[in-house]
């Protein structure tokens, strides 16, 4: 039993009838800044219920990082327009562990997905510009920043593939092929990964990869804007 599964069981025992549902989502182990997570749906986000949840979560965190999102059933139904990309990922790849299976009934509207995708890509574009001017000075800093945002970019690229091409749950290879059809070069993703493995990455190569990555994000944002 994983730390996440054990925590879900302990939360079910602690909350009793106050629990509506628990679903797991995200990676099975911590990777690239993402952690295994639980969606915990309770009857009420009361001080009593939060207090019941706190100790099991604290104990679990001592073993492994676990992300927790706590909502009521009504909040879950009314939040898909605010977090369409996150809820889309939970609906497609999550698994109900206890209680009602709510994630299969999530309704994600394409217009909300498109808008959120455009917002995230443009935010990422602005962040890369700001960090270059005010933060990322060394080659290591530049490459570490690119790696930290790669998963967000890939997630939004998958949303674009679904909206523009009707391709759901595209594999990495499929995304590369789809992007080629949009004249979107994804090679900066691989370049950044290779440079990260270098103990002392080349300054000029890190610089050029950073700007290629920025250009890739800008291009993707433009595609989302024109959908």
C-alpha atoms as a PDB file:
ATOM      1  CA  UNK A   1       0.000   0.000   0.000  1.00  0.00           C
ATOM      2  CA  UNK A   2       1.375   3.402  -0.985  1.00  0.00           C
ATOM      3  CA  UNK A   3       1.585   6.340   1.406  1.00  0.00           C
ATOM      4  CA  UNK A   4      -1.242   7.979  -0.541  1.00  0.00           C
ATOM      5  CA  UNK A   5      -3.486   4.909  -0.295  1.00  0.00           C
ATOM      6  CA  UNK A   6      -2.735   4.515   3.415  1.00  0.00           C
ATOM      7  CA  UNK A   7      -3.559   8.171   4.007  1.00  0.00           C
ATOM      8  CA  UNK A   8      -6.850   7.807   2.127  1.00  0.00           C
ATOM      9  CA  UNK A   9      -7.791   4.888   4.352  1.00  0.00           C
ATOM     10  CA  UNK A  10      -6.899   6.822   7.504  1.00  0.00           C
ATOM     11  CA  UNK A  11      -8.901   9.841   6.346  1.00  0.00           C
ATOM     12  CA  UNK A  12     -11.902   7.621   5.684  1.00  0.00           C
ATOM     13  CA  UNK A  13     -11.656   6.236   9.227  1.00  0.00           C
ATOM     14  CA  UNK A  14     -11.163   9.677  10.756  1.00  0.00           C
ATOM     15  CA  UNK A  15     -13.988  11.425   8.906  1.00  0.00           C
ATOM     16  CA  UNK A  16     -16.553   8.634   9.011  1.00  0.00           C
ATOM     17  CA  UNK A  17     -19.931   9.799   7.736  1.00  0.00           C
ATOM     18  CA  UNK A  18     -18.547  13.266   7.005  1.00  0.00           C
ATOM     19  CA  UNK A  19     -16.581  11.824   4.075  1.00  0.00           C
ATOM     20  CA  UNK A  20     -18.210  11.881   0.641  1.00  0.00           C
ATOM     21  CA  UNK A  21     -15.353  10.717  -1.577  1.00  0.00           C
ATOM     22  CA  UNK A  22     -11.591  10.341  -1.881  1.00  0.00           C
ATOM     23  CA  UNK A  23      -9.844  10.085  -5.255  1.00  0.00           C
ATOM     24  CA  UNK A  24      -6.154   9.860  -6.054  1.00  0.00           C
ATOM     25  CA  UNK A  25      -4.555  11.780  -8.907  1.00  0.00           C
ATOM     26  CA  UNK A  26      -1.169  12.929 -10.103  1.00  0.00           C
ATOM     27  CA  UNK A  27       2.023  10.836 -10.314  1.00  0.00           C
ATOM     28  CA  UNK A  28       2.527   7.720  -8.225  1.00  0.00           C
ATOM     29  CA  UNK A  29       5.780   9.176  -6.877  1.00  0.00           C
ATOM     30  CA  UNK A  30       7.178  12.694  -6.589  1.00  0.00           C
ATOM     31  CA  UNK A  31       8.710  13.832  -9.867  1.00  0.00           C
ATOM     32  CA  UNK A  32       9.613  17.141 -11.503  1.00  0.00           C
ATOM     33  CA  UNK A  33       7.904  19.185  -8.821  1.00  0.00           C
ATOM     34  CA  UNK A  34       4.664  17.156  -8.892  1.00  0.00           C
ATOM     35  CA  UNK A  35       3.550  14.972  -5.995  1.00  0.00           C
ATOM     36  CA  UNK A  36       0.988  12.181  -5.504  1.00  0.00           C
ATOM     37  CA  UNK A  37      -2.276  13.874  -4.527  1.00  0.00           C
ATOM     38  CA  UNK A  38      -5.703  13.217  -3.056  1.00  0.00           C
ATOM     39  CA  UNK A  39      -9.010  14.922  -3.767  1.00  0.00           C
ATOM     40  CA  UNK A  40     -10.971  14.748  -0.516  1.00  0.00           C
ATOM     41  CA  UNK A  41     -14.676  15.601  -0.748  1.00  0.00           C
ATOM     42  CA  UNK A  42     -16.424  16.166   2.565  1.00  0.00           C
ATOM     43  CA  UNK A  43     -19.948  17.117   3.565  1.00  0.00           C
ATOM     44  CA  UNK A  44     -18.679  20.373   5.048  1.00  0.00           C
ATOM     45  CA  UNK A  45     -15.273  22.050   5.215  1.00  0.00           C
ATOM     46  CA  UNK A  46     -15.767  22.722   8.916  1.00  0.00           C
ATOM     47  CA  UNK A  47     -13.176  23.347  11.587  1.00  0.00           C
ATOM     48  CA  UNK A  48     -14.029  19.946  13.092  1.00  0.00           C
ATOM     49  CA  UNK A  49     -13.494  18.079   9.814  1.00  0.00           C
ATOM     50  CA  UNK A  50     -10.265  19.919   9.065  1.00  0.00           C
ATOM     51  CA  UNK A  51      -9.028  19.062  12.558  1.00  0.00           C
ATOM     52  CA  UNK A  52      -9.840  15.377  11.973  1.00  0.00           C
ATOM     53  CA  UNK A  53      -7.852  15.431   8.733  1.00  0.00           C
ATOM     54  CA  UNK A  54      -4.801  17.204  10.069  1.00  0.00           C
ATOM     55  CA  UNK A  55      -3.089  14.454  12.075  1.00  0.00           C
ATOM     56  CA  UNK A  56      -3.288  11.707   9.406  1.00  0.00           C
ATOM     57  CA  UNK A  57      -1.945  14.170   6.829  1.00  0.00           C
ATOM     58  CA  UNK A  58       0.919  15.235   9.108  1.00  0.00           C
ATOM     59  CA  UNK A  59       1.862  11.590   9.677  1.00  0.00           C
ATOM     60  CA  UNK A  60       1.763  10.811   5.953  1.00  0.00           C
ATOM     61  CA  UNK A  61       3.971  13.801   5.116  1.00  0.00           C
ATOM     62  CA  UNK A  62       6.696  12.352   7.325  1.00  0.00           C
ATOM     63  CA  UNK A  63       6.950   9.408   4.926  1.00  0.00           C
ATOM     64  CA  UNK A  64       6.284  10.998   1.524  1.00  0.00           C
ATOM     65  CA  UNK A  65       4.901  14.260   0.128  1.00  0.00           C
ATOM     66  CA  UNK A  66       1.165  14.047  -0.614  1.00  0.00           C
ATOM     67  CA  UNK A  67      -0.894  16.897  -2.015  1.00  0.00           C
ATOM     68  CA  UNK A  68      -4.399  17.414  -0.602  1.00  0.00           C
ATOM     69  CA  UNK A  69      -7.310  19.245  -2.227  1.00  0.00           C
ATOM     70  CA  UNK A  70     -10.370  19.499   0.018  1.00  0.00           C
ATOM     71  CA  UNK A  71     -13.798  20.449  -1.342  1.00  0.00           C
ATOM     72  CA  UNK A  72     -17.482  19.903  -0.696  1.00  0.00           C
ATOM     73  CA  UNK A  73     -19.496  18.104  -3.358  1.00  0.00           C
ATOM     74  CA  UNK A  74     -21.170  21.372  -4.323  1.00  0.00           C
ATOM     75  CA  UNK A  75     -17.805  23.133  -4.638  1.00  0.00           C
ATOM     76  CA  UNK A  76     -16.530  20.305  -6.820  1.00  0.00           C
ATOM     77  CA  UNK A  77     -19.466  20.673  -9.209  1.00  0.00           C
ATOM     78  CA  UNK A  78     -19.145  24.461  -9.330  1.00  0.00           C
ATOM     79  CA  UNK A  79     -15.356  24.702  -9.720  1.00  0.00           C
ATOM     80  CA  UNK A  80     -14.782  22.959 -13.052  1.00  0.00           C
ATOM     81  CA  UNK A  81     -14.986  26.308 -14.845  1.00  0.00           C
ATOM     82  CA  UNK A  82     -12.262  27.736 -12.574  1.00  0.00           C
ATOM     83  CA  UNK A  83      -9.858  24.768 -12.675  1.00  0.00           C
ATOM     84  CA  UNK A  84     -10.745  23.047 -15.969  1.00  0.00           C
ATOM     85  CA  UNK A  85      -7.249  21.735 -16.741  1.00  0.00           C
ATOM     86  CA  UNK A  86      -6.672  20.288 -13.268  1.00  0.00           C
ATOM     87  CA  UNK A  87     -10.150  18.767 -13.147  1.00  0.00           C
ATOM     88  CA  UNK A  88      -9.760  17.398 -16.673  1.00  0.00           C
ATOM     89  CA  UNK A  89      -6.585  15.591 -15.581  1.00  0.00           C
ATOM     90  CA  UNK A  90      -8.318  14.228 -12.468  1.00  0.00           C
ATOM     91  CA  UNK A  91     -11.316  13.068 -14.498  1.00  0.00           C
ATOM     92  CA  UNK A  92      -9.165  11.329 -17.108  1.00  0.00           C
ATOM     93  CA  UNK A  93      -6.427   9.835 -14.948  1.00  0.00           C
ATOM     94  CA  UNK A  94      -7.707   9.873 -11.360  1.00  0.00           C
ATOM     95  CA  UNK A  95      -9.066   6.898  -9.413  1.00  0.00           C
ATOM     96  CA  UNK A  96     -11.734   6.841  -6.711  1.00  0.00           C
ATOM     97  CA  UNK A  97     -10.454   5.104  -3.579  1.00  0.00           C
ATOM     98  CA  UNK A  98     -13.344   5.592  -1.152  1.00  0.00           C
ATOM     99  CA  UNK A  99     -16.928   6.795  -1.273  1.00  0.00           C
ATOM    100  CA  UNK A 100     -18.836   8.138  -4.255  1.00  0.00           C
ATOM    101  CA  UNK A 101     -17.259   8.146  -7.706  1.00  0.00           C
ATOM    102  CA  UNK A 102     -17.568  11.855  -8.428  1.00  0.00           C
ATOM    103  CA  UNK A 103     -14.664  12.336 -10.800  1.00  0.00           C
ATOM    104  CA  UNK A 104     -16.259  10.431 -13.684  1.00  0.00           C
ATOM    105  CA  UNK A 105     -19.162  12.899 -13.624  1.00  0.00           C
ATOM    106  CA  UNK A 106     -17.048  16.042 -13.880  1.00  0.00           C
ATOM    107  CA  UNK A 107     -18.263  18.226 -16.722  1.00  0.00           C
ATOM    108  CA  UNK A 108     -15.429  20.132 -18.400  1.00  0.00           C
ATOM    109  CA  UNK A 109     -16.556  22.677 -21.005  1.00  0.00           C
ATOM    110  CA  UNK A 110     -14.244  23.189 -23.998  1.00  0.00           C
ATOM    111  CA  UNK A 111     -14.527  26.987 -23.853  1.00  0.00           C
ATOM    112  CA  UNK A 112     -13.315  26.955 -20.232  1.00  0.00           C
ATOM    113  CA  UNK A 113     -10.450  24.645 -21.177  1.00  0.00           C
ATOM    114  CA  UNK A 114      -9.359  26.853 -24.072  1.00  0.00           C
ATOM    115  CA  UNK A 115      -9.419  30.032 -21.999  1.00  0.00           C
ATOM    116  CA  UNK A 116      -7.520  28.477 -19.094  1.00  0.00           C
ATOM    117  CA  UNK A 117      -4.982  26.931 -21.472  1.00  0.00           C
ATOM    118  CA  UNK A 118      -4.353  30.308 -23.091  1.00  0.00           C
ATOM    119  CA  UNK A 119      -4.052  31.958 -19.669  1.00  0.00           C
ATOM    120  CA  UNK A 120      -1.533  29.415 -18.400  1.00  0.00           C
ATOM    121  CA  UNK A 121       0.606  29.562 -21.538  1.00  0.00           C
ATOM    122  CA  UNK A 122       0.655  33.364 -21.554  1.00  0.00           C
ATOM    123  CA  UNK A 123       1.428  33.430 -17.833  1.00  0.00           C
ATOM    124  CA  UNK A 124       4.289  31.018 -18.480  1.00  0.00           C
ATOM    125  CA  UNK A 125       5.559  33.209 -21.312  1.00  0.00           C
ATOM    126  CA  UNK A 126       5.538  36.298 -19.095  1.00  0.00           C
ATOM    127  CA  UNK A 127       7.185  34.395 -16.250  1.00  0.00           C
ATOM    128  CA  UNK A 128      10.058  33.227 -18.465  1.00  0.00           C
ATOM    129  CA  UNK A 129      10.685  36.786 -19.633  1.00  0.00           C
ATOM    130  CA  UNK A 130      10.557  38.198 -16.106  1.00  0.00           C
ATOM    131  CA  UNK A 131      12.840  35.495 -14.677  1.00  0.00           C
ATOM    132  CA  UNK A 132      15.385  36.034 -17.459  1.00  0.00           C
ATOM    133  CA  UNK A 133      15.522  39.759 -16.711  1.00  0.00           C
ATOM    134  CA  UNK A 134      15.406  39.557 -12.929  1.00  0.00           C
ATOM    135  CA  UNK A 135      16.403  36.127 -11.686  1.00  0.00           C
ATOM    136  CA  UNK A 136      17.900  33.429 -13.924  1.00  0.00           C
ATOM    137  CA  UNK A 137      21.536  34.479 -14.279  1.00  0.00           C
ATOM    138  CA  UNK A 138      23.573  31.278 -14.372  1.00  0.00           C
ATOM    139  CA  UNK A 139      23.242  28.396 -16.809  1.00  0.00           C
ATOM    140  CA  UNK A 140      22.101  26.123 -13.979  1.00  0.00           C
ATOM    141  CA  UNK A 141      19.395  28.580 -12.901  1.00  0.00           C
ATOM    142  CA  UNK A 142      18.089  28.917 -16.450  1.00  0.00           C
ATOM    143  CA  UNK A 143      17.900  25.175 -17.065  1.00  0.00           C
ATOM    144  CA  UNK A 144      16.395  24.451 -13.635  1.00  0.00           C
ATOM    145  CA  UNK A 145      13.641  26.971 -14.356  1.00  0.00           C
ATOM    146  CA  UNK A 146      12.873  25.372 -17.728  1.00  0.00           C
ATOM    147  CA  UNK A 147      12.654  21.924 -16.158  1.00  0.00           C
ATOM    148  CA  UNK A 148      10.366  23.226 -13.398  1.00  0.00           C
ATOM    149  CA  UNK A 149       7.817  24.486 -15.949  1.00  0.00           C
ATOM    150  CA  UNK A 150       8.084  21.624 -18.447  1.00  0.00           C
ATOM    151  CA  UNK A 151       5.238  19.581 -16.950  1.00  0.00           C
ATOM    152  CA  UNK A 152       2.897  22.577 -17.013  1.00  0.00           C
ATOM    153  CA  UNK A 153       3.777  23.182 -20.645  1.00  0.00           C
ATOM    154  CA  UNK A 154       3.238  19.539 -21.599  1.00  0.00           C
ATOM    155  CA  UNK A 155      -0.110  19.484 -19.797  1.00  0.00           C
ATOM    156  CA  UNK A 156      -1.287  22.520 -21.719  1.00  0.00           C
ATOM    157  CA  UNK A 157       0.039  21.060 -24.953  1.00  0.00           C
ATOM    158  CA  UNK A 158      -2.125  17.981 -24.323  1.00  0.00           C
ATOM    159  CA  UNK A 159      -5.130  20.268 -23.845  1.00  0.00           C
ATOM    160  CA  UNK A 160      -4.354  21.961 -27.160  1.00  0.00           C
ATOM    161  CA  UNK A 161      -4.160  18.568 -28.871  1.00  0.00           C
ATOM    162  CA  UNK A 162      -7.574  17.654 -27.484  1.00  0.00           C
ATOM    163  CA  UNK A 163      -9.186  20.970 -28.426  1.00  0.00           C
ATOM    164  CA  UNK A 164      -7.572  21.451 -31.828  1.00  0.00           C
ATOM    165  CA  UNK A 165      -7.210  17.856 -33.051  1.00  0.00           C
ATOM    166  CA  UNK A 166      -9.715  15.933 -30.909  1.00  0.00           C
ATOM    167  CA  UNK A 167      -6.889  13.767 -29.556  1.00  0.00           C
ATOM    168  CA  UNK A 168      -7.449  12.725 -25.927  1.00  0.00           C
ATOM    169  CA  UNK A 169      -4.639  11.419 -23.695  1.00  0.00           C
ATOM    170  CA  UNK A 170      -2.000  11.829 -26.402  1.00  0.00           C
ATOM    171  CA  UNK A 171       1.307  10.118 -25.688  1.00  0.00           C
ATOM    172  CA  UNK A 172       4.580  12.017 -25.751  1.00  0.00           C
ATOM    173  CA  UNK A 173       5.329  10.762 -29.256  1.00  0.00           C
ATOM    174  CA  UNK A 174       1.842  11.670 -30.446  1.00  0.00           C
ATOM    175  CA  UNK A 175       2.190  15.177 -29.008  1.00  0.00           C
ATOM    176  CA  UNK A 176       5.491  15.601 -30.838  1.00  0.00           C
ATOM    177  CA  UNK A 177       3.897  14.564 -34.127  1.00  0.00           C
ATOM    178  CA  UNK A 178       0.873  16.795 -33.569  1.00  0.00           C
ATOM    179  CA  UNK A 179       3.123  19.745 -32.699  1.00  0.00           C
ATOM    180  CA  UNK A 180       5.120  19.215 -35.889  1.00  0.00           C
ATOM    181  CA  UNK A 181       1.886  19.654 -37.811  1.00  0.00           C
ATOM    182  CA  UNK A 182       1.491  23.036 -36.110  1.00  0.00           C
ATOM    183  CA  UNK A 183       5.132  23.905 -36.927  1.00  0.00           C
ATOM    184  CA  UNK A 184       5.802  23.869 -33.192  1.00  0.00           C
ATOM    185  CA  UNK A 185       9.293  22.585 -32.370  1.00  0.00           C
ATOM    186  CA  UNK A 186       9.396  20.709 -29.048  1.00  0.00           C
ATOM    187  CA  UNK A 187      13.143  20.006 -29.122  1.00  0.00           C
ATOM    188  CA  UNK A 188      13.883  22.608 -26.381  1.00  0.00           C
ATOM    189  CA  UNK A 189      12.210  20.223 -23.903  1.00  0.00           C
ATOM    190  CA  UNK A 190      14.773  17.503 -24.645  1.00  0.00           C
ATOM    191  CA  UNK A 191      17.643  19.988 -24.779  1.00  0.00           C
ATOM    192  CA  UNK A 192      16.792  21.285 -21.316  1.00  0.00           C
ATOM    193  CA  UNK A 193      16.611  17.749 -19.911  1.00  0.00           C
ATOM    194  CA  UNK A 194      20.029  16.878 -21.344  1.00  0.00           C
ATOM    195  CA  UNK A 195      21.606  20.082 -20.026  1.00  0.00           C
ATOM    196  CA  UNK A 196      20.200  19.421 -16.566  1.00  0.00           C
ATOM    197  CA  UNK A 197      22.247  16.217 -16.418  1.00  0.00           C
ATOM    198  CA  UNK A 198      25.459  18.205 -16.937  1.00  0.00           C
ATOM    199  CA  UNK A 199      27.226  19.152 -13.726  1.00  0.00           C
ATOM    200  CA  UNK A 200      28.377  22.360 -15.402  1.00  0.00           C
ATOM    201  CA  UNK A 201      26.131  23.136 -18.388  1.00  0.00           C
ATOM    202  CA  UNK A 202      27.603  25.297 -21.130  1.00  0.00           C
ATOM    203  CA  UNK A 203      26.561  28.947 -20.679  1.00  0.00           C
ATOM    204  CA  UNK A 204      25.963  29.689 -24.360  1.00  0.00           C
ATOM    205  CA  UNK A 205      24.012  26.461 -24.878  1.00  0.00           C
ATOM    206  CA  UNK A 206      21.859  27.160 -21.824  1.00  0.00           C
ATOM    207  CA  UNK A 207      21.247  30.696 -23.090  1.00  0.00           C
ATOM    208  CA  UNK A 208      20.153  29.563 -26.549  1.00  0.00           C
ATOM    209  CA  UNK A 209      18.008  26.744 -25.129  1.00  0.00           C
ATOM    210  CA  UNK A 210      16.294  29.206 -22.786  1.00  0.00           C
ATOM    211  CA  UNK A 211      15.270  31.463 -25.650  1.00  0.00           C
ATOM    212  CA  UNK A 212      14.242  28.534 -27.846  1.00  0.00           C
ATOM    213  CA  UNK A 213      12.056  27.330 -24.991  1.00  0.00           C
ATOM    214  CA  UNK A 214      10.544  30.807 -24.663  1.00  0.00           C
ATOM    215  CA  UNK A 215       9.798  30.863 -28.376  1.00  0.00           C
ATOM    216  CA  UNK A 216       8.136  27.458 -28.124  1.00  0.00           C
ATOM    217  CA  UNK A 217       5.868  28.682 -25.316  1.00  0.00           C
ATOM    218  CA  UNK A 218       5.023  31.882 -27.209  1.00  0.00           C
ATOM    219  CA  UNK A 219       4.080  29.853 -30.292  1.00  0.00           C
ATOM    220  CA  UNK A 220       1.845  27.524 -28.262  1.00  0.00           C
ATOM    221  CA  UNK A 221       0.164  30.521 -26.606  1.00  0.00           C
ATOM    222  CA  UNK A 222      -0.534  31.975 -30.043  1.00  0.00           C
ATOM    223  CA  UNK A 223      -2.122  28.685 -31.147  1.00  0.00           C
ATOM    224  CA  UNK A 224      -4.371  28.694 -28.072  1.00  0.00           C
ATOM    225  CA  UNK A 225      -5.300  32.321 -28.689  1.00  0.00           C
ATOM    226  CA  UNK A 226      -6.453  31.538 -32.238  1.00  0.00           C
ATOM    227  CA  UNK A 227      -8.587  28.504 -31.410  1.00  0.00           C
END
